[in-house]
Amino acid sequence: MALPTQCDTYRMDGASQTSLSLLQRAKQQDADAWERLTHLYTPLVYSWCRQCGVSPADASDVMQEVFQAVHRTLDRFRRDRPGDTFRGWLWMITRNKVRDHFRAVGQRPQVTGGTTAHVLIEQVPEEEPLSTSSVAGTAQDSVFLRGLEFVKAEFEEKTWKAFWRFAVDGVKAVEVAEELDMSPGAVRKAKLRVMRRLKEELGDLVE
């Protein structure tokens, strides 16, 4: 699916939050926690950059600058007010880095299409853009699916297949039960088990 070239639709998703335990471990310089955090959010940050008009050639560089800034300032992130989320804080940093990028573009002799950096900066919204590109349809889905990678090894193959067919592929429990020689109740239980574990790993992000 082609990415939009401008941030013309956007929203804030208050339910999209990262578990404090993961954040606290990252704040404590836990290398594994930091790796997981960046793995979860790389597709989302990249899609934000592209939606805001950053070219594919430059989006990766801007994304790197975003995560460098996150790493330097992660200990400053707080949830002091209702609605404060890591995702919202990450968008604020991304927005600022995108604007910095367009200011730098404006210093070059020519800007693609004759568009000035001022115009490009003004097109970057204050609110988070609604992403439309990812593994499973939206950038938010990519966060969910990457989170699943962290817990997959903890489940038996049949349990995982039942969960995936029912929860991710959207196949009815009765049909999944027939495919895997299980009861519909066992299929639903498989979904609950995986989602419960994912919740423990990622917190409010999965709601």
C-alpha atoms as a PDB file:
ATOM      1  CA  MET A   1       0.000   0.000   0.000  1.00  0.00           C
ATOM      2  CA  ALA A   2       1.405   3.404  -0.970  1.00  0.00           C
ATOM      3  CA  LEU A   3       2.064   5.781   1.877  1.00  0.00           C
ATOM      4  CA  PRO A   4       0.441   9.234   1.820  1.00  0.00           C
ATOM      5  CA  THR A   5       2.851  12.086   1.215  1.00  0.00           C
ATOM      6  CA  GLN A   6       1.339  14.457   3.770  1.00  0.00           C
ATOM      7  CA  CYS A   7      -0.136  14.322   7.257  1.00  0.00           C
ATOM      8  CA  ASP A   8      -3.706  15.147   6.331  1.00  0.00           C
ATOM      9  CA  THR A   9      -5.439  12.787   8.750  1.00  0.00           C
ATOM     10  CA  TYR A  10      -4.411  12.261  12.312  1.00  0.00           C
ATOM     11  CA  ARG A  11      -5.523  11.251  15.769  1.00  0.00           C
ATOM     12  CA  MET A  12      -4.221  10.541  19.233  1.00  0.00           C
ATOM     13  CA  ASP A  13      -4.830   7.005  20.463  1.00  0.00           C
ATOM     14  CA  GLY A  14      -4.962   7.231  24.246  1.00  0.00           C
ATOM     15  CA  ALA A  15      -5.258   3.481  24.587  1.00  0.00           C
ATOM     16  CA  SER A  16      -1.923   2.940  22.864  1.00  0.00           C
ATOM     17  CA  GLN A  17       0.542   2.902  25.741  1.00  0.00           C
ATOM     18  CA  THR A  18       3.764   1.127  26.564  1.00  0.00           C
ATOM     19  CA  SER A  19       4.100  -0.797  29.818  1.00  0.00           C
ATOM     20  CA  LEU A  20       5.929   1.074  32.534  1.00  0.00           C
ATOM     21  CA  SER A  21       7.994  -2.004  33.286  1.00  0.00           C
ATOM     22  CA  LEU A  22       9.464  -2.011  29.788  1.00  0.00           C
ATOM     23  CA  LEU A  23      10.079   1.730  29.974  1.00  0.00           C
ATOM     24  CA  GLN A  24      11.629   1.517  33.408  1.00  0.00           C
ATOM     25  CA  ARG A  25      14.019  -1.181  32.249  1.00  0.00           C
ATOM     26  CA  ALA A  26      14.963   0.930  29.247  1.00  0.00           C
ATOM     27  CA  LYS A  27      15.477   3.956  31.503  1.00  0.00           C
ATOM     28  CA  GLN A  28      17.836   1.838  33.583  1.00  0.00           C
ATOM     29  CA  GLN A  29      19.969   1.234  30.481  1.00  0.00           C
ATOM     30  CA  ASP A  30      18.744  -2.337  30.059  1.00  0.00           C
ATOM     31  CA  ALA A  31      20.062  -3.196  26.588  1.00  0.00           C
ATOM     32  CA  ASP A  32      17.399  -5.843  25.946  1.00  0.00           C
ATOM     33  CA  ALA A  33      14.575  -3.474  26.922  1.00  0.00           C
ATOM     34  CA  TRP A  34      15.958  -0.742  24.666  1.00  0.00           C
ATOM     35  CA  GLU A  35      16.268  -3.183  21.774  1.00  0.00           C
ATOM     36  CA  ARG A  36      12.666  -4.286  22.264  1.00  0.00           C
ATOM     37  CA  LEU A  37      11.442  -0.714  22.484  1.00  0.00           C
ATOM     38  CA  THR A  38      13.105   0.312  19.229  1.00  0.00           C
ATOM     39  CA  HIS A  39      12.014  -2.911  17.519  1.00  0.00           C
ATOM     40  CA  LEU A  40       8.393  -2.228  18.478  1.00  0.00           C
ATOM     41  CA  TYR A  41       8.290   1.359  17.295  1.00  0.00           C
ATOM     42  CA  THR A  42      10.601   1.510  14.273  1.00  0.00           C
ATOM     43  CA  PRO A  43       7.805   0.874  11.695  1.00  0.00           C
ATOM     44  CA  LEU A  44       5.532   3.405  13.386  1.00  0.00           C
ATOM     45  CA  VAL A  45       8.155   6.178  13.453  1.00  0.00           C
ATOM     46  CA  TYR A  46       9.135   5.467   9.863  1.00  0.00           C
ATOM     47  CA  SER A  47       5.499   5.634   8.729  1.00  0.00           C
ATOM     48  CA  TRP A  48       5.017   8.940  10.573  1.00  0.00           C
ATOM     49  CA  CYS A  49       8.030  10.383   8.748  1.00  0.00           C
ATOM     50  CA  ARG A  50       6.720   9.240   5.374  1.00  0.00           C
ATOM     51  CA  GLN A  51       3.201  10.535   6.025  1.00  0.00           C
ATOM     52  CA  CYS A  52       4.646  13.925   6.859  1.00  0.00           C
ATOM     53  CA  GLY A  53       6.307  14.134   3.471  1.00  0.00           C
ATOM     54  CA  VAL A  54       9.840  12.966   4.265  1.00  0.00           C
ATOM     55  CA  SER A  55      11.278  11.084   1.298  1.00  0.00           C
ATOM     56  CA  PRO A  56      12.140   7.388   1.585  1.00  0.00           C
ATOM     57  CA  ALA A  57      15.814   8.291   1.197  1.00  0.00           C
ATOM     58  CA  ASP A  58      15.662  10.665   4.181  1.00  0.00           C
ATOM     59  CA  ALA A  59      13.083   8.922   6.379  1.00  0.00           C
ATOM     60  CA  SER A  60      15.568   6.382   7.736  1.00  0.00           C
ATOM     61  CA  ASP A  61      17.976   9.144   8.732  1.00  0.00           C
ATOM     62  CA  VAL A  62      15.235  11.121  10.463  1.00  0.00           C
ATOM     63  CA  MET A  63      14.100   7.950  12.230  1.00  0.00           C
ATOM     64  CA  GLN A  64      17.627   7.396  13.537  1.00  0.00           C
ATOM     65  CA  GLU A  65      17.683  10.934  14.888  1.00  0.00           C
ATOM     66  CA  VAL A  66      14.362  10.292  16.625  1.00  0.00           C
ATOM     67  CA  PHE A  67      15.621   7.233  18.457  1.00  0.00           C
ATOM     68  CA  GLN A  68      18.876   8.948  19.378  1.00  0.00           C
ATOM     69  CA  ALA A  69      16.815  11.714  20.975  1.00  0.00           C
ATOM     70  CA  VAL A  70      14.607   9.170  22.740  1.00  0.00           C
ATOM     71  CA  HIS A  71      17.656   7.411  24.129  1.00  0.00           C
ATOM     72  CA  ARG A  72      19.089  10.696  25.453  1.00  0.00           C
ATOM     73  CA  THR A  73      15.862  11.910  27.048  1.00  0.00           C
ATOM     74  CA  LEU A  74      13.957   8.745  28.001  1.00  0.00           C
ATOM     75  CA  ASP A  75      14.417   9.399  31.711  1.00  0.00           C
ATOM     76  CA  ARG A  76      12.399  12.610  31.292  1.00  0.00           C
ATOM     77  CA  PHE A  77       9.252  10.829  30.127  1.00  0.00           C
ATOM     78  CA  ARG A  78       6.526  11.010  32.762  1.00  0.00           C
ATOM     79  CA  ARG A  79       2.838  10.140  33.009  1.00  0.00           C
ATOM     80  CA  ASP A  80       1.806  13.054  35.152  1.00  0.00           C
ATOM     81  CA  ARG A  81      -1.532  13.719  33.456  1.00  0.00           C
ATOM     82  CA  PRO A  82      -4.406  11.537  32.248  1.00  0.00           C
ATOM     83  CA  GLY A  83      -3.818  10.650  28.620  1.00  0.00           C
ATOM     84  CA  ASP A  84      -0.037  10.884  28.801  1.00  0.00           C
ATOM     85  CA  THR A  85       1.389   8.037  26.705  1.00  0.00           C
ATOM     86  CA  PHE A  86       4.775   6.981  25.475  1.00  0.00           C
ATOM     87  CA  ARG A  87       3.343   6.918  21.975  1.00  0.00           C
ATOM     88  CA  GLY A  88       2.263  10.557  22.250  1.00  0.00           C
ATOM     89  CA  TRP A  89       5.667  11.553  23.615  1.00  0.00           C
ATOM     90  CA  LEU A  90       7.361   9.656  20.782  1.00  0.00           C
ATOM     91  CA  TRP A  91       5.208  11.494  18.255  1.00  0.00           C
ATOM     92  CA  MET A  92       6.254  14.858  19.745  1.00  0.00           C
ATOM     93  CA  ILE A  93       9.923  13.966  19.277  1.00  0.00           C
ATOM     94  CA  THR A  94       9.284  12.671  15.753  1.00  0.00           C
ATOM     95  CA  ARG A  95       7.387  15.839  14.822  1.00  0.00           C
ATOM     96  CA  ASN A  96      10.265  18.015  16.028  1.00  0.00           C
ATOM     97  CA  LYS A  97      12.830  15.971  14.106  1.00  0.00           C
ATOM     98  CA  VAL A  98      10.707  16.107  10.948  1.00  0.00           C
ATOM     99  CA  ARG A  99      10.520  19.892  11.281  1.00  0.00           C
ATOM    100  CA  ASP A 100      14.285  20.066  11.799  1.00  0.00           C
ATOM    101  CA  HIS A 101      14.696  18.023   8.633  1.00  0.00           C
ATOM    102  CA  PHE A 102      12.546  20.383   6.577  1.00  0.00           C
ATOM    103  CA  ARG A 103      14.419  23.392   7.928  1.00  0.00           C
ATOM    104  CA  ALA A 104      17.640  21.781   6.742  1.00  0.00           C
ATOM    105  CA  VAL A 105      16.048  21.060   3.358  1.00  0.00           C
ATOM    106  CA  GLY A 106      15.160  24.727   3.092  1.00  0.00           C
ATOM    107  CA  GLN A 107      18.827  25.639   3.270  1.00  0.00           C
ATOM    108  CA  ARG A 108      19.566  23.724   0.085  1.00  0.00           C
ATOM    109  CA  PRO A 109      19.587  25.501  -3.309  1.00  0.00           C
ATOM    110  CA  GLN A 110      16.570  23.558  -4.558  1.00  0.00           C
ATOM    111  CA  VAL A 111      13.672  21.810  -2.857  1.00  0.00           C
ATOM    112  CA  THR A 112      11.761  19.097  -4.694  1.00  0.00           C
ATOM    113  CA  GLY A 113       8.809  20.579  -6.551  1.00  0.00           C
ATOM    114  CA  GLY A 114       9.796  24.094  -5.536  1.00  0.00           C
ATOM    115  CA  THR A 115       8.144  23.685  -2.136  1.00  0.00           C
ATOM    116  CA  THR A 116       9.714  25.844   0.552  1.00  0.00           C
ATOM    117  CA  ALA A 117      10.780  24.451   3.897  1.00  0.00           C
ATOM    118  CA  HIS A 118       8.355  26.852   5.580  1.00  0.00           C
ATOM    119  CA  VAL A 119       5.399  25.273   3.783  1.00  0.00           C
ATOM    120  CA  LEU A 120       6.608  21.758   4.568  1.00  0.00           C
ATOM    121  CA  ILE A 121       7.046  22.612   8.242  1.00  0.00           C
ATOM    122  CA  GLU A 122       3.540  24.054   8.421  1.00  0.00           C
ATOM    123  CA  GLN A 123       2.148  20.792   7.030  1.00  0.00           C
ATOM    124  CA  VAL A 124       3.471  18.813  10.014  1.00  0.00           C
ATOM    125  CA  PRO A 125       0.510  18.486  12.425  1.00  0.00           C
ATOM    126  CA  GLU A 126       0.602  19.003  16.171  1.00  0.00           C
ATOM    127  CA  GLU A 127      -1.289  15.747  16.659  1.00  0.00           C
ATOM    128  CA  GLU A 128      -0.193  12.250  15.770  1.00  0.00           C
ATOM    129  CA  PRO A 129      -0.916  11.218  12.154  1.00  0.00           C
ATOM    130  CA  LEU A 130      -3.168   8.253  11.484  1.00  0.00           C
ATOM    131  CA  SER A 131      -0.756   5.738  10.007  1.00  0.00           C
ATOM    132  CA  THR A 132      -1.872   3.572   7.117  1.00  0.00           C
ATOM    133  CA  SER A 133       1.079   1.305   6.410  1.00  0.00           C
ATOM    134  CA  SER A 134       2.303  -1.750   8.283  1.00  0.00           C
ATOM    135  CA  VAL A 135       2.558  -5.504   8.375  1.00  0.00           C
ATOM    136  CA  ALA A 136      -1.155  -6.019   8.931  1.00  0.00           C
ATOM    137  CA  GLY A 137      -2.818  -2.854   7.689  1.00  0.00           C
ATOM    138  CA  THR A 138      -1.888  -0.096  10.132  1.00  0.00           C
ATOM    139  CA  ALA A 139       1.315   0.988  11.802  1.00  0.00           C
ATOM    140  CA  GLN A 140      -0.337   0.337  15.142  1.00  0.00           C
ATOM    141  CA  ASP A 141      -0.814  -3.285  14.032  1.00  0.00           C
ATOM    142  CA  SER A 142       2.930  -3.514  13.449  1.00  0.00           C
ATOM    143  CA  VAL A 143       3.555  -2.654  17.109  1.00  0.00           C
ATOM    144  CA  PHE A 144       1.111  -5.380  18.139  1.00  0.00           C
ATOM    145  CA  LEU A 145       2.593  -7.993  15.814  1.00  0.00           C
ATOM    146  CA  ARG A 146       6.146  -7.221  16.818  1.00  0.00           C
ATOM    147  CA  GLY A 147       5.135  -7.541  20.443  1.00  0.00           C
ATOM    148  CA  LEU A 148       3.843 -11.016  19.688  1.00  0.00           C
ATOM    149  CA  GLU A 149       7.324 -12.019  18.560  1.00  0.00           C
ATOM    150  CA  PHE A 150       8.501 -11.573  22.152  1.00  0.00           C
ATOM    151  CA  VAL A 151       6.118 -14.190  23.576  1.00  0.00           C
ATOM    152  CA  LYS A 152       5.691 -16.697  20.738  1.00  0.00           C
ATOM    153  CA  ALA A 153       8.370 -19.093  21.978  1.00  0.00           C
ATOM    154  CA  GLU A 154       6.536 -19.526  25.283  1.00  0.00           C
ATOM    155  CA  PHE A 155       3.611 -21.388  23.705  1.00  0.00           C
ATOM    156  CA  GLU A 156       3.150 -24.778  22.119  1.00  0.00           C
ATOM    157  CA  GLU A 157       2.783 -24.755  18.339  1.00  0.00           C
ATOM    158  CA  LYS A 158      -0.874 -25.794  18.383  1.00  0.00           C
ATOM    159  CA  THR A 159      -1.800 -23.128  20.926  1.00  0.00           C
ATOM    160  CA  TRP A 160      -0.034 -20.490  18.889  1.00  0.00           C
ATOM    161  CA  LYS A 161      -1.690 -21.585  15.633  1.00  0.00           C
ATOM    162  CA  ALA A 162      -5.102 -21.464  17.282  1.00  0.00           C
ATOM    163  CA  PHE A 163      -4.442 -17.981  18.606  1.00  0.00           C
ATOM    164  CA  TRP A 164      -3.109 -16.700  15.283  1.00  0.00           C
ATOM    165  CA  ARG A 165      -5.910 -18.099  13.139  1.00  0.00           C
ATOM    166  CA  PHE A 166      -8.581 -16.817  15.530  1.00  0.00           C
ATOM    167  CA  ALA A 167      -7.169 -13.489  16.751  1.00  0.00           C
ATOM    168  CA  VAL A 168      -4.988 -12.340  13.848  1.00  0.00           C
ATOM    169  CA  ASP A 169      -6.443 -13.992  10.745  1.00  0.00           C
ATOM    170  CA  GLY A 170     -10.008 -13.475  12.007  1.00  0.00           C
ATOM    171  CA  VAL A 171     -11.181 -17.037  11.331  1.00  0.00           C
ATOM    172  CA  LYS A 172     -14.198 -18.137  13.367  1.00  0.00           C
ATOM    173  CA  ALA A 173     -13.439 -20.252  16.438  1.00  0.00           C
ATOM    174  CA  VAL A 174     -15.525 -23.135  15.094  1.00  0.00           C
ATOM    175  CA  GLU A 175     -13.563 -23.230  11.843  1.00  0.00           C
ATOM    176  CA  VAL A 176     -10.212 -23.009  13.632  1.00  0.00           C
ATOM    177  CA  ALA A 177     -11.314 -25.828  15.924  1.00  0.00           C
ATOM    178  CA  GLU A 178     -12.042 -28.031  12.900  1.00  0.00           C
ATOM    179  CA  GLU A 179      -8.676 -27.198  11.324  1.00  0.00           C
ATOM    180  CA  LEU A 180      -6.675 -28.027  14.443  1.00  0.00           C
ATOM    181  CA  ASP A 181      -8.831 -30.779  15.946  1.00  0.00           C
ATOM    182  CA  MET A 182      -9.691 -28.686  18.996  1.00  0.00           C
ATOM    183  CA  SER A 183     -12.872 -27.525  20.658  1.00  0.00           C
ATOM    184  CA  PRO A 184     -14.042 -23.946  20.015  1.00  0.00           C
ATOM    185  CA  GLY A 185     -13.607 -23.330  23.736  1.00  0.00           C
ATOM    186  CA  ALA A 186      -9.952 -24.405  23.543  1.00  0.00           C
ATOM    187  CA  VAL A 187      -9.418 -21.992  20.646  1.00  0.00           C
ATOM    188  CA  ARG A 188     -10.837 -19.117  22.670  1.00  0.00           C
ATOM    189  CA  LYS A 189      -8.735 -20.143  25.649  1.00  0.00           C
ATOM    190  CA  ALA A 190      -5.619 -20.070  23.460  1.00  0.00           C
ATOM    191  CA  LYS A 191      -6.390 -16.489  22.509  1.00  0.00           C
ATOM    192  CA  LEU A 192      -6.900 -15.496  26.133  1.00  0.00           C
ATOM    193  CA  ARG A 193      -3.628 -17.101  27.201  1.00  0.00           C
ATOM    194  CA  VAL A 194      -1.563 -15.374  24.531  1.00  0.00           C
ATOM    195  CA  MET A 195      -3.231 -11.999  25.028  1.00  0.00           C
ATOM    196  CA  ARG A 196      -2.780 -12.241  28.791  1.00  0.00           C
ATOM    197  CA  ARG A 197       0.932 -12.888  28.336  1.00  0.00           C
ATOM    198  CA  LEU A 198       1.246 -10.096  25.804  1.00  0.00           C
ATOM    199  CA  LYS A 199      -0.458  -7.767  28.261  1.00  0.00           C
ATOM    200  CA  GLU A 200       2.121  -8.699  30.886  1.00  0.00           C
ATOM    201  CA  GLU A 201       4.908  -7.949  28.422  1.00  0.00           C
ATOM    202  CA  LEU A 202       3.608  -4.738  26.882  1.00  0.00           C
ATOM    203  CA  GLY A 203       1.030  -3.389  29.313  1.00  0.00           C
ATOM    204  CA  ASP A 204      -1.651  -1.029  28.000  1.00  0.00           C
ATOM    205  CA  LEU A 205      -0.179  -1.099  24.493  1.00  0.00           C
ATOM    206  CA  VAL A 206      -2.330  -4.122  23.616  1.00  0.00           C
ATOM    207  CA  GLU A 207      -5.672  -2.582  24.671  1.00  0.00           C
END
